[in-house]
N, C-alpha and C. Protein backbone atom coordinates (compact mmCIF):
# COMPACT_ATOMS: atom_id res chain seq x y z
N MET A 1 341.77 26.11 173.61
CA MET A 1 342.43 27.44 173.50
C MET A 1 342.55 27.80 172.03
N LYS A 2 342.28 29.07 171.70
CA LYS A 2 342.36 29.53 170.32
C LYS A 2 343.81 29.70 169.91
N ASN A 3 344.10 29.27 168.68
CA ASN A 3 345.46 29.49 168.17
C ASN A 3 345.54 30.84 167.49
N GLN A 4 346.70 31.21 167.05
CA GLN A 4 346.91 32.53 166.45
C GLN A 4 346.13 32.70 165.15
N ILE A 5 345.98 31.61 164.41
CA ILE A 5 345.25 31.70 163.15
C ILE A 5 343.78 31.99 163.42
N GLN A 6 343.20 31.31 164.45
CA GLN A 6 341.80 31.56 164.80
C GLN A 6 341.59 32.99 165.26
N ILE A 7 342.54 33.47 166.09
CA ILE A 7 342.43 34.84 166.60
C ILE A 7 342.49 35.84 165.45
N ALA A 8 343.43 35.61 164.53
CA ALA A 8 343.58 36.51 163.39
C ALA A 8 342.34 36.48 162.50
N SER A 9 341.79 35.27 162.30
CA SER A 9 340.60 35.13 161.47
C SER A 9 339.41 35.85 162.08
N GLU A 10 339.24 35.71 163.42
CA GLU A 10 338.13 36.36 164.09
C GLU A 10 338.26 37.87 164.04
N ALA A 11 339.50 38.34 164.19
CA ALA A 11 339.74 39.78 164.12
C ALA A 11 339.40 40.31 162.74
N LYS A 12 339.77 39.53 161.71
CA LYS A 12 339.47 39.93 160.33
C LYS A 12 337.97 39.97 160.10
N ASN A 13 337.25 38.96 160.63
CA ASN A 13 335.79 38.92 160.46
C ASN A 13 335.12 40.07 161.20
N SER A 14 335.68 40.39 162.38
CA SER A 14 335.13 41.49 163.16
C SER A 14 335.30 42.81 162.42
N ASN A 15 336.45 43.01 161.84
CA ASN A 15 336.70 44.22 161.06
C ASN A 15 335.78 44.30 159.85
N ARG A 16 335.58 43.14 159.22
CA ARG A 16 334.71 43.10 158.05
C ARG A 16 333.28 43.45 158.44
N ALA A 17 332.80 42.92 159.60
CA ALA A 17 331.45 43.22 160.07
C ALA A 17 331.29 44.70 160.37
N SER A 18 332.31 45.28 160.99
CA SER A 18 332.26 46.72 161.30
C SER A 18 332.20 47.54 160.03
N THR A 19 332.97 47.12 159.03
CA THR A 19 332.98 47.83 157.75
C THR A 19 331.63 47.74 157.07
N LEU A 20 331.03 46.54 157.10
CA LEU A 20 329.71 46.36 156.49
C LEU A 20 328.66 47.19 157.19
N ALA A 21 328.75 47.27 158.52
CA ALA A 21 327.79 48.07 159.27
C ALA A 21 327.91 49.54 158.91
N ARG A 22 329.15 50.00 158.79
CA ARG A 22 329.34 51.40 158.42
C ARG A 22 328.82 51.67 157.02
N GLU A 23 329.06 50.74 156.10
CA GLU A 23 328.59 50.90 154.73
C GLU A 23 327.07 50.89 154.67
N LYS A 24 326.44 50.01 155.50
CA LYS A 24 324.99 49.94 155.53
C LYS A 24 324.41 51.27 156.00
N GLY A 25 325.04 51.84 157.04
CA GLY A 25 324.59 53.13 157.54
C GLY A 25 324.75 54.21 156.49
N LYS A 26 325.85 54.19 155.76
CA LYS A 26 326.07 55.17 154.70
C LYS A 26 325.02 55.02 153.60
N ASN A 27 324.68 53.74 153.29
CA ASN A 27 323.69 53.49 152.23
C ASN A 27 322.33 54.03 152.61
N ARG A 28 321.93 53.84 153.89
CA ARG A 28 320.64 54.36 154.34
C ARG A 28 320.62 55.88 154.27
N GLN A 29 321.74 56.49 154.71
CA GLN A 29 321.82 57.95 154.67
C GLN A 29 321.80 58.44 153.23
N GLY A 30 322.51 57.70 152.36
CA GLY A 30 322.54 58.08 150.96
C GLY A 30 321.18 58.00 150.31
N LEU A 31 320.41 56.95 150.67
CA LEU A 31 319.07 56.79 150.12
C LEU A 31 318.17 57.93 150.57
N ALA A 32 318.28 58.31 151.86
CA ALA A 32 317.48 59.42 152.36
C ALA A 32 317.79 60.71 151.62
N ILE A 33 319.08 60.94 151.35
CA ILE A 33 319.48 62.15 150.63
C ILE A 33 318.93 62.14 149.21
N ILE A 34 318.99 60.98 148.56
CA ILE A 34 318.47 60.86 147.19
C ILE A 34 316.98 61.15 147.16
N LEU A 35 316.23 60.57 148.12
CA LEU A 35 314.78 60.79 148.17
C LEU A 35 314.46 62.26 148.46
N PHE A 36 315.27 62.88 149.32
CA PHE A 36 315.06 64.28 149.67
C PHE A 36 315.30 65.18 148.46
N VAL A 37 316.37 64.90 147.74
CA VAL A 37 316.67 65.68 146.53
C VAL A 37 315.56 65.49 145.50
N ALA A 38 315.06 64.24 145.37
CA ALA A 38 313.97 63.98 144.44
C ALA A 38 312.72 64.77 144.83
N ALA A 39 312.49 64.87 146.14
CA ALA A 39 311.32 65.65 146.60
C ALA A 39 311.47 67.11 146.23
N ILE A 40 312.69 67.64 146.36
CA ILE A 40 312.93 69.04 145.99
C ILE A 40 312.67 69.26 144.50
N LEU A 41 313.12 68.31 143.69
CA LEU A 41 313.02 68.46 142.24
C LEU A 41 311.60 68.25 141.72
N THR A 42 310.84 67.40 142.40
CA THR A 42 309.54 67.01 141.85
C THR A 42 308.36 67.55 142.65
N PHE A 43 308.61 68.32 143.69
CA PHE A 43 307.53 68.79 144.55
C PHE A 43 306.50 69.60 143.76
N THR A 44 305.22 69.27 143.97
CA THR A 44 304.17 69.95 143.20
C THR A 44 303.12 70.63 144.08
N GLY A 45 303.34 70.69 145.37
CA GLY A 45 302.38 71.34 146.26
C GLY A 45 301.62 70.35 147.09
N CYS A 46 301.08 70.82 148.18
CA CYS A 46 300.46 69.90 149.13
C CYS A 46 299.01 69.61 148.80
N GLY A 47 298.33 70.44 148.00
CA GLY A 47 296.94 70.17 147.65
C GLY A 47 296.02 70.44 148.81
N GLY A 48 294.74 70.08 148.64
CA GLY A 48 293.73 70.35 149.67
C GLY A 48 293.53 69.17 150.59
N GLY A 49 292.72 69.38 151.60
CA GLY A 49 292.44 68.31 152.54
C GLY A 49 291.16 68.62 153.29
N SER A 50 290.66 67.63 154.00
CA SER A 50 289.43 67.83 154.75
C SER A 50 289.75 68.32 156.14
N GLY A 51 288.72 68.71 156.85
CA GLY A 51 288.93 69.20 158.20
C GLY A 51 289.16 68.11 159.22
N GLY A 52 288.95 66.84 158.84
CA GLY A 52 289.23 65.73 159.74
C GLY A 52 288.12 65.45 160.74
N GLY A 53 286.94 66.08 160.59
CA GLY A 53 285.83 65.85 161.50
C GLY A 53 285.13 64.54 161.20
N LYS A 54 284.21 64.16 162.10
CA LYS A 54 283.42 62.96 161.88
C LYS A 54 282.50 63.13 160.69
N SER A 55 282.20 62.05 160.01
CA SER A 55 281.37 62.11 158.82
C SER A 55 279.92 62.46 159.15
N GLY A 56 279.47 62.07 160.32
CA GLY A 56 278.08 62.34 160.70
C GLY A 56 277.09 61.41 160.04
N LEU A 57 277.56 60.34 159.40
CA LEU A 57 276.64 59.41 158.74
C LEU A 57 275.83 58.63 159.76
N SER A 58 274.58 58.40 159.43
CA SER A 58 273.70 57.63 160.31
C SER A 58 273.99 56.14 160.15
N THR A 59 273.46 55.35 161.06
CA THR A 59 273.61 53.90 160.94
C THR A 59 272.57 53.36 159.96
N ASN A 60 272.84 52.20 159.43
CA ASN A 60 271.90 51.52 158.53
C ASN A 60 271.32 50.32 159.24
N GLY A 61 270.08 50.00 158.92
CA GLY A 61 269.41 48.91 159.61
C GLY A 61 270.05 47.55 159.42
N PHE A 62 270.84 47.39 158.35
CA PHE A 62 271.45 46.09 158.07
C PHE A 62 272.97 46.11 158.19
N PHE A 63 273.58 47.26 157.95
CA PHE A 63 275.04 47.36 158.01
C PHE A 63 275.54 48.22 159.17
N GLY A 64 274.62 48.59 160.07
CA GLY A 64 275.02 49.29 161.27
C GLY A 64 275.84 50.55 161.01
N ALA A 65 276.95 50.67 161.75
CA ALA A 65 277.82 51.85 161.63
C ALA A 65 278.91 51.66 160.58
N LEU A 66 278.84 50.58 159.81
CA LEU A 66 279.91 50.28 158.86
C LEU A 66 280.14 51.41 157.85
N PRO A 67 279.08 51.98 157.23
CA PRO A 67 279.32 53.10 156.31
C PRO A 67 280.01 54.28 156.98
N ALA A 68 279.62 54.59 158.22
CA ALA A 68 280.24 55.70 158.96
C ALA A 68 281.69 55.41 159.28
N ILE A 69 282.00 54.15 159.58
CA ILE A 69 283.39 53.77 159.88
C ILE A 69 284.27 53.99 158.65
N TYR A 70 283.78 53.61 157.48
CA TYR A 70 284.53 53.84 156.24
C TYR A 70 284.71 55.34 156.00
N ALA A 71 283.63 56.12 156.17
CA ALA A 71 283.68 57.56 155.90
C ALA A 71 284.58 58.28 156.90
N ASP A 72 284.49 57.91 158.18
CA ASP A 72 285.32 58.55 159.20
C ASP A 72 286.80 58.29 158.95
N HIS A 73 287.11 57.06 158.53
CA HIS A 73 288.51 56.73 158.23
C HIS A 73 289.03 57.58 157.07
N GLU A 74 288.22 57.74 156.05
CA GLU A 74 288.64 58.53 154.89
C GLU A 74 288.90 59.98 155.29
N LEU A 75 288.03 60.56 156.12
CA LEU A 75 288.22 61.93 156.57
C LEU A 75 289.49 62.08 157.40
N ALA A 76 289.70 61.15 158.34
CA ALA A 76 290.88 61.21 159.20
C ALA A 76 292.16 61.05 158.38
N TYR A 77 292.13 60.14 157.42
CA TYR A 77 293.31 59.90 156.58
C TYR A 77 293.61 61.13 155.71
N ASP A 78 292.58 61.70 155.11
CA ASP A 78 292.78 62.86 154.25
C ASP A 78 293.36 64.04 155.04
N ALA A 79 292.85 64.24 156.27
CA ALA A 79 293.34 65.34 157.09
C ALA A 79 294.81 65.13 157.47
N ALA A 80 295.14 63.89 157.86
CA ALA A 80 296.52 63.58 158.24
C ALA A 80 297.45 63.70 157.04
N GLU A 81 296.97 63.27 155.87
CA GLU A 81 297.79 63.35 154.67
C GLU A 81 298.03 64.80 154.26
N ALA A 82 297.02 65.66 154.42
CA ALA A 82 297.17 67.07 154.09
C ALA A 82 298.24 67.72 154.98
N LYS A 83 298.23 67.37 156.28
CA LYS A 83 299.24 67.91 157.20
C LYS A 83 300.63 67.40 156.82
N TYR A 84 300.71 66.12 156.50
CA TYR A 84 302.00 65.54 156.09
C TYR A 84 302.56 66.26 154.87
N LYS A 85 301.72 66.51 153.88
CA LYS A 85 302.19 67.16 152.66
C LYS A 85 302.62 68.60 152.93
N ALA A 86 301.88 69.29 153.83
CA ALA A 86 302.24 70.67 154.18
C ALA A 86 303.57 70.70 154.91
N ASP A 87 303.77 69.78 155.86
CA ASP A 87 305.02 69.72 156.61
C ASP A 87 306.18 69.32 155.71
N SER A 88 305.92 68.43 154.77
CA SER A 88 306.95 67.99 153.83
C SER A 88 307.36 69.15 152.92
N GLU A 89 306.36 69.91 152.47
CA GLU A 89 306.64 71.07 151.62
C GLU A 89 307.53 72.07 152.36
N LYS A 90 307.22 72.31 153.63
CA LYS A 90 307.99 73.26 154.43
C LYS A 90 309.45 72.81 154.55
N ALA A 91 309.66 71.51 154.82
CA ALA A 91 311.02 70.98 154.96
C ALA A 91 311.78 71.03 153.65
N VAL A 92 311.09 70.73 152.56
CA VAL A 92 311.72 70.75 151.24
C VAL A 92 312.14 72.16 150.85
N LYS A 93 311.24 73.11 151.09
CA LYS A 93 311.55 74.50 150.74
C LYS A 93 312.72 75.03 151.56
N ALA A 94 312.84 74.56 152.82
CA ALA A 94 313.95 74.97 153.67
C ALA A 94 315.21 74.16 153.39
N GLN A 95 315.06 73.13 152.53
CA GLN A 95 316.16 72.21 152.20
C GLN A 95 316.76 71.62 153.47
N ASN A 96 315.89 71.21 154.38
CA ASN A 96 316.27 70.66 155.67
C ASN A 96 316.06 69.15 155.65
N LEU A 97 317.12 68.42 155.37
CA LEU A 97 317.02 66.96 155.24
C LEU A 97 316.56 66.31 156.54
N LYS A 98 317.08 66.77 157.69
CA LYS A 98 316.73 66.18 158.97
C LYS A 98 315.24 66.36 159.26
N ALA A 99 314.74 67.57 159.01
CA ALA A 99 313.32 67.84 159.26
C ALA A 99 312.44 67.03 158.31
N TRP A 100 312.87 66.92 157.07
CA TRP A 100 312.11 66.15 156.08
C TRP A 100 312.03 64.68 156.45
N GLN A 101 313.16 64.11 156.90
CA GLN A 101 313.17 62.71 157.31
C GLN A 101 312.26 62.47 158.51
N LYS A 102 312.22 63.45 159.43
CA LYS A 102 311.34 63.36 160.59
C LYS A 102 309.88 63.36 160.17
N VAL A 103 309.55 64.20 159.18
CA VAL A 103 308.18 64.24 158.65
C VAL A 103 307.81 62.90 158.02
N GLU A 104 308.75 62.34 157.26
CA GLU A 104 308.49 61.05 156.60
C GLU A 104 308.24 59.95 157.63
N ASP A 105 309.06 59.92 158.68
CA ASP A 105 308.92 58.90 159.71
C ASP A 105 307.58 59.06 160.45
N LYS A 106 307.22 60.31 160.75
CA LYS A 106 305.97 60.57 161.45
C LYS A 106 304.77 60.15 160.61
N TRP A 107 304.82 60.43 159.30
CA TRP A 107 303.72 60.05 158.42
C TRP A 107 303.57 58.53 158.33
N SER A 108 304.70 57.83 158.30
CA SER A 108 304.65 56.37 158.25
C SER A 108 303.96 55.83 159.50
N ASN A 109 304.31 56.38 160.66
CA ASN A 109 303.70 55.93 161.92
C ASN A 109 302.21 56.30 161.97
N THR A 110 301.89 57.53 161.54
CA THR A 110 300.50 57.99 161.57
C THR A 110 299.61 57.15 160.67
N SER A 111 300.07 56.88 159.46
CA SER A 111 299.26 56.09 158.52
C SER A 111 299.04 54.67 159.04
N ASP A 112 300.08 54.11 159.69
CA ASP A 112 299.93 52.78 160.28
C ASP A 112 298.91 52.79 161.42
N GLU A 113 298.96 53.84 162.25
CA GLU A 113 298.03 53.95 163.37
C GLU A 113 296.59 54.12 162.88
N LEU A 114 296.40 54.95 161.85
CA LEU A 114 295.06 55.15 161.31
C LEU A 114 294.51 53.85 160.73
N SER A 115 295.37 53.12 160.04
CA SER A 115 294.94 51.86 159.44
C SER A 115 294.56 50.85 160.52
N ALA A 116 295.36 50.78 161.59
CA ALA A 116 295.08 49.84 162.67
C ALA A 116 293.77 50.19 163.37
N LYS A 117 293.55 51.48 163.60
CA LYS A 117 292.32 51.93 164.24
C LYS A 117 291.11 51.61 163.38
N PHE A 118 291.23 51.84 162.07
CA PHE A 118 290.14 51.55 161.13
C PHE A 118 289.81 50.07 161.11
N GLU A 119 290.84 49.23 161.00
CA GLU A 119 290.62 47.79 160.94
C GLU A 119 289.99 47.27 162.23
N ALA A 120 290.40 47.83 163.38
CA ALA A 120 289.83 47.40 164.66
C ALA A 120 288.35 47.77 164.75
N ALA A 121 288.02 49.01 164.32
CA ALA A 121 286.61 49.45 164.36
C ALA A 121 285.76 48.63 163.41
N LYS A 122 286.30 48.36 162.23
CA LYS A 122 285.56 47.57 161.24
C LYS A 122 285.33 46.14 161.73
N LYS A 123 286.37 45.55 162.30
CA LYS A 123 286.26 44.18 162.80
C LYS A 123 285.22 44.08 163.91
N ALA A 124 285.21 45.07 164.82
CA ALA A 124 284.26 45.06 165.93
C ALA A 124 282.83 45.19 165.43
N GLU A 125 282.61 46.06 164.43
CA GLU A 125 281.26 46.24 163.89
C GLU A 125 280.80 45.00 163.12
N LEU A 126 281.71 44.41 162.35
CA LEU A 126 281.35 43.22 161.59
C LEU A 126 281.04 42.03 162.50
N ALA A 127 281.67 42.00 163.66
CA ALA A 127 281.38 40.93 164.62
C ALA A 127 279.92 41.02 165.07
N LYS A 128 279.38 42.24 165.16
CA LYS A 128 277.98 42.43 165.53
C LYS A 128 277.04 42.05 164.39
N LEU A 129 277.51 42.30 163.15
CA LEU A 129 276.64 42.12 161.98
C LEU A 129 276.70 40.73 161.38
N ASN A 130 277.76 39.99 161.65
CA ASN A 130 277.99 38.70 161.02
C ASN A 130 276.79 37.77 161.22
N GLY A 131 276.25 37.29 160.09
CA GLY A 131 275.11 36.37 160.13
C GLY A 131 273.76 37.05 160.07
N LYS A 132 273.75 38.38 160.02
CA LYS A 132 272.48 39.11 159.99
C LYS A 132 271.81 38.96 158.63
N ASP A 133 270.51 38.69 158.63
CA ASP A 133 269.76 38.53 157.38
C ASP A 133 269.60 39.86 156.66
N VAL A 134 269.74 39.81 155.35
CA VAL A 134 269.57 40.98 154.49
C VAL A 134 268.43 40.69 153.52
N PRO A 135 267.47 41.59 153.38
CA PRO A 135 266.33 41.33 152.48
C PRO A 135 266.75 41.31 151.01
N PHE A 136 266.06 40.49 150.24
CA PHE A 136 266.35 40.42 148.81
C PHE A 136 265.09 40.04 148.05
N THR A 137 265.08 40.39 146.77
CA THR A 137 264.01 39.99 145.87
C THR A 137 264.65 39.38 144.63
N VAL A 138 263.88 38.57 143.93
CA VAL A 138 264.37 37.91 142.72
C VAL A 138 263.45 38.25 141.56
N ALA A 139 263.99 38.86 140.51
CA ALA A 139 263.20 39.24 139.35
C ALA A 139 262.75 37.98 138.58
N ASP A 140 261.68 38.12 137.83
CA ASP A 140 261.14 36.98 137.09
C ASP A 140 262.13 36.43 136.06
N ASP A 141 263.01 37.30 135.55
CA ASP A 141 263.95 36.86 134.51
C ASP A 141 265.27 36.35 135.07
N PHE A 142 265.35 36.21 136.37
CA PHE A 142 266.60 35.72 136.97
C PHE A 142 266.62 34.20 136.89
N ARG A 143 267.66 33.64 136.24
CA ARG A 143 267.70 32.20 136.00
C ARG A 143 269.00 31.55 136.47
N ASP A 144 269.87 32.28 137.13
CA ASP A 144 271.22 31.77 137.39
C ASP A 144 271.30 30.79 138.56
N PHE A 145 270.41 30.90 139.52
CA PHE A 145 270.33 29.95 140.64
C PHE A 145 269.11 30.27 141.48
N LYS A 146 268.82 29.36 142.40
CA LYS A 146 267.79 29.62 143.40
C LYS A 146 268.50 30.04 144.68
N ILE A 147 267.94 31.02 145.35
CA ILE A 147 268.56 31.53 146.57
C ILE A 147 267.57 31.46 147.73
N SER A 148 268.04 30.93 148.86
CA SER A 148 267.16 30.77 150.02
C SER A 148 267.48 31.74 151.15
N SER A 149 268.70 32.25 151.20
CA SER A 149 269.03 33.21 152.26
C SER A 149 270.20 34.09 151.85
N LEU A 150 270.27 35.26 152.47
CA LEU A 150 271.33 36.22 152.21
C LEU A 150 271.70 36.86 153.54
N LYS A 151 272.97 36.72 153.94
CA LYS A 151 273.39 37.19 155.25
C LYS A 151 274.72 37.96 155.15
N VAL A 152 274.89 38.91 156.06
CA VAL A 152 276.17 39.62 156.14
C VAL A 152 277.24 38.65 156.61
N ASP A 153 278.42 38.66 155.95
CA ASP A 153 279.51 37.78 156.38
C ASP A 153 280.56 38.57 157.17
N GLU A 154 281.61 37.86 157.59
CA GLU A 154 282.60 38.47 158.48
C GLU A 154 283.48 39.50 157.79
N LYS A 155 283.40 39.61 156.46
CA LYS A 155 284.21 40.59 155.73
C LYS A 155 283.40 41.75 155.19
N GLY A 156 282.11 41.77 155.49
CA GLY A 156 281.27 42.88 155.03
C GLY A 156 280.64 42.65 153.68
N ASN A 157 280.78 41.45 153.14
CA ASN A 157 280.06 41.09 151.93
C ASN A 157 278.79 40.33 152.33
N LEU A 158 278.10 39.74 151.38
CA LEU A 158 276.87 39.02 151.68
C LEU A 158 277.00 37.56 151.27
N LYS A 159 276.77 36.67 152.20
CA LYS A 159 276.88 35.25 151.94
C LYS A 159 275.53 34.69 151.53
N MET A 160 275.52 33.93 150.44
CA MET A 160 274.27 33.37 149.91
C MET A 160 274.18 31.87 150.15
N SER A 161 272.95 31.40 150.32
CA SER A 161 272.65 29.97 150.29
C SER A 161 271.92 29.72 148.98
N THR A 162 272.54 28.95 148.08
CA THR A 162 271.98 28.79 146.73
C THR A 162 271.85 27.31 146.36
N SER A 163 271.06 27.08 145.33
CA SER A 163 270.90 25.74 144.76
C SER A 163 270.59 25.89 143.27
N ASP A 164 270.67 24.79 142.56
CA ASP A 164 270.40 24.78 141.11
C ASP A 164 271.21 25.86 140.39
N VAL A 165 272.49 25.88 140.67
CA VAL A 165 273.36 26.91 140.11
C VAL A 165 273.71 26.61 138.66
N ARG A 166 273.51 27.58 137.79
CA ARG A 166 273.90 27.45 136.38
C ARG A 166 275.31 27.98 136.21
N ARG A 167 276.13 27.24 135.49
CA ARG A 167 277.51 27.65 135.29
C ARG A 167 277.82 27.72 133.79
N ASN A 168 278.82 28.54 133.44
CA ASN A 168 279.18 28.65 132.03
C ASN A 168 280.06 27.48 131.59
N LEU A 169 280.60 27.55 130.39
CA LEU A 169 281.37 26.43 129.82
C LEU A 169 282.63 26.10 130.60
N ILE A 170 283.17 27.06 131.34
CA ILE A 170 284.38 26.79 132.13
C ILE A 170 284.05 26.57 133.60
N GLY A 171 282.78 26.36 133.88
CA GLY A 171 282.36 25.99 135.23
C GLY A 171 282.21 27.14 136.21
N VAL A 172 282.09 28.36 135.71
CA VAL A 172 281.98 29.52 136.59
C VAL A 172 280.55 30.06 136.58
N ALA A 173 280.01 30.29 137.76
CA ALA A 173 278.68 30.89 137.87
C ALA A 173 278.82 32.41 137.82
N GLN A 174 277.85 33.06 137.23
CA GLN A 174 277.84 34.52 137.23
C GLN A 174 276.39 35.01 137.31
N PHE A 175 276.22 36.17 137.90
CA PHE A 175 274.87 36.71 138.07
C PHE A 175 274.94 38.22 138.21
N ARG A 176 273.78 38.82 138.02
CA ARG A 176 273.68 40.28 138.13
C ARG A 176 272.82 40.62 139.35
N PHE A 177 273.24 41.62 140.09
CA PHE A 177 272.44 42.08 141.22
C PHE A 177 272.46 43.60 141.31
N ARG A 178 271.45 44.13 141.99
CA ARG A 178 271.39 45.56 142.28
C ARG A 178 271.25 45.75 143.79
N ALA A 179 271.95 46.72 144.31
CA ALA A 179 271.73 47.16 145.69
C ALA A 179 270.83 48.38 145.61
N LEU A 180 269.68 48.32 146.26
CA LEU A 180 268.69 49.39 146.15
C LEU A 180 268.54 50.16 147.46
N ALA A 181 268.32 51.47 147.34
CA ALA A 181 268.08 52.33 148.50
C ALA A 181 266.59 52.30 148.85
N LYS A 182 266.25 52.94 149.97
CA LYS A 182 264.86 52.96 150.43
C LYS A 182 263.92 53.61 149.43
N ASP A 183 264.43 54.57 148.67
CA ASP A 183 263.58 55.26 147.69
C ASP A 183 263.56 54.55 146.34
N GLY A 184 264.20 53.39 146.25
CA GLY A 184 264.21 52.62 145.01
C GLY A 184 265.36 52.95 144.09
N SER A 185 266.16 53.95 144.41
CA SER A 185 267.30 54.30 143.57
C SER A 185 268.38 53.22 143.67
N VAL A 186 269.19 53.13 142.62
CA VAL A 186 270.20 52.07 142.52
C VAL A 186 271.52 52.55 143.12
N ILE A 187 272.00 51.84 144.12
CA ILE A 187 273.30 52.13 144.74
C ILE A 187 274.41 51.44 143.96
N LEU A 188 274.15 50.22 143.53
CA LEU A 188 275.15 49.42 142.83
C LEU A 188 274.44 48.48 141.87
N ASP A 189 274.99 48.30 140.67
CA ASP A 189 274.42 47.42 139.66
C ASP A 189 275.58 46.76 138.92
N VAL A 190 275.89 45.51 139.23
CA VAL A 190 277.07 44.86 138.66
C VAL A 190 276.81 43.38 138.37
N ILE A 191 277.73 42.82 137.57
CA ILE A 191 277.78 41.38 137.34
C ILE A 191 278.75 40.79 138.35
N ASN A 192 278.33 39.77 139.06
CA ASN A 192 279.16 39.12 140.08
C ASN A 192 279.49 37.70 139.62
N PHE A 193 280.67 37.22 140.01
CA PHE A 193 281.07 35.86 139.67
C PHE A 193 281.06 34.97 140.90
N GLY A 194 280.69 33.70 140.71
CA GLY A 194 280.58 32.78 141.83
C GLY A 194 279.16 32.74 142.33
N ALA A 195 278.85 31.73 143.15
CA ALA A 195 277.49 31.59 143.67
C ALA A 195 277.50 31.49 145.19
N GLU A 196 278.54 32.09 145.80
CA GLU A 196 278.66 32.01 147.25
C GLU A 196 278.44 33.34 147.95
N GLN A 197 278.79 34.45 147.27
CA GLN A 197 278.64 35.73 147.94
C GLN A 197 278.29 36.86 146.97
N VAL A 198 277.69 37.90 147.53
CA VAL A 198 277.42 39.14 146.81
C VAL A 198 278.48 40.14 147.27
N ALA A 199 279.37 40.52 146.36
CA ALA A 199 280.50 41.38 146.73
C ALA A 199 280.10 42.85 146.73
N ILE A 200 280.00 43.42 147.93
CA ILE A 200 279.61 44.83 148.04
C ILE A 200 280.62 45.65 148.83
N GLY A 201 281.58 44.99 149.45
CA GLY A 201 282.52 45.67 150.33
C GLY A 201 283.28 46.82 149.68
N GLY A 202 283.72 46.61 148.44
CA GLY A 202 284.48 47.65 147.74
C GLY A 202 283.65 48.89 147.49
N SER A 203 282.39 48.69 147.09
CA SER A 203 281.50 49.82 146.83
C SER A 203 281.22 50.60 148.10
N MET A 204 280.98 49.90 149.20
CA MET A 204 280.70 50.60 150.46
C MET A 204 281.90 51.40 150.93
N GLN A 205 283.08 50.87 150.73
CA GLN A 205 284.28 51.60 151.14
C GLN A 205 284.49 52.84 150.27
N ASN A 206 284.19 52.74 148.99
CA ASN A 206 284.42 53.87 148.08
C ASN A 206 283.33 54.94 148.18
N GLU A 207 282.09 54.52 148.42
CA GLU A 207 280.97 55.47 148.49
C GLU A 207 280.09 55.15 149.69
N PRO A 208 280.62 55.30 150.90
CA PRO A 208 279.87 54.89 152.09
C PRO A 208 278.56 55.62 152.30
N ALA A 209 278.47 56.90 151.93
CA ALA A 209 277.24 57.67 152.17
C ALA A 209 276.04 57.05 151.48
N LYS A 210 276.25 56.45 150.31
CA LYS A 210 275.15 55.84 149.57
C LYS A 210 274.53 54.66 150.31
N TRP A 211 275.34 53.99 151.13
CA TRP A 211 274.88 52.76 151.78
C TRP A 211 274.11 53.00 153.06
N VAL A 212 274.05 54.25 153.51
CA VAL A 212 273.27 54.56 154.71
C VAL A 212 271.79 54.26 154.47
N ASP A 213 271.32 54.49 153.24
CA ASP A 213 269.90 54.27 152.92
C ASP A 213 269.65 52.93 152.24
N PHE A 214 270.60 52.00 152.32
CA PHE A 214 270.41 50.68 151.71
C PHE A 214 269.15 50.01 152.25
N ALA A 215 268.39 49.37 151.33
CA ALA A 215 267.15 48.69 151.73
C ALA A 215 267.14 47.20 151.39
N LYS A 216 267.66 46.84 150.19
CA LYS A 216 267.61 45.43 149.82
C LYS A 216 268.51 45.15 148.60
N ILE A 217 268.72 43.86 148.36
CA ILE A 217 269.42 43.37 147.14
C ILE A 217 268.37 42.82 146.20
N GLU A 218 268.51 43.14 144.93
CA GLU A 218 267.60 42.63 143.90
C GLU A 218 268.41 41.83 142.89
N PHE A 219 268.06 40.57 142.72
CA PHE A 219 268.72 39.72 141.73
C PHE A 219 267.94 39.83 140.41
N VAL A 220 268.63 40.22 139.35
CA VAL A 220 267.96 40.44 138.07
C VAL A 220 268.67 39.67 136.96
N GLY A 221 267.97 39.48 135.84
CA GLY A 221 268.54 38.78 134.70
C GLY A 221 269.70 39.57 134.09
N ARG A 222 270.68 38.87 133.60
CA ARG A 222 271.86 39.53 133.03
C ARG A 222 271.59 40.19 131.69
N ASN A 223 270.49 39.90 131.04
CA ASN A 223 270.19 40.46 129.74
C ASN A 223 269.24 41.64 129.80
N GLU A 224 268.90 42.06 131.02
CA GLU A 224 267.95 43.15 131.16
C GLU A 224 268.55 44.48 130.72
């Protein structure tokens, strides 16, 4: 059986918990008000946006629909972001905190949904492409290693099988490669570190249209 001291202590703790809960709620509301006021003071306009349609990019013989998946995601995100900014501007101009908070919550959910949809589509396409051979050539002045195969990996980069790897004084391998289009134009020309993969994922995500016409990887000397 609880004694009077225990009962009093529990009552005190219960009151303290209720007070903390109320304060936490006030803090959240206060933060929302601060952010809303900041939006009113710093608002600079919603800017432009895309129509949100499909990119229409064709598939590539080695990377399938991956370039289109990147481009479609960018279009969908830009369109959703443009709507969010327009709705936010409307709420700010009306000085409607409740409407503004609703816009913020909706944008958070929308961006999460778009990201999840993009990652699912990318994962499904990469599952089809994983292990696929990619053509490559080696220039006469390339001396950094010998390469026997080049394949798409599970992250959208290219996995290499190499031997006789040359490394610098701190034990790091580096090499130069070009991604070439069907017409011979250069899609990407960079120095890469390591002797395990050719990193192209970032370039494809940033400029997916260029990768529709990808034809091969060319390994070239770093002093060219």
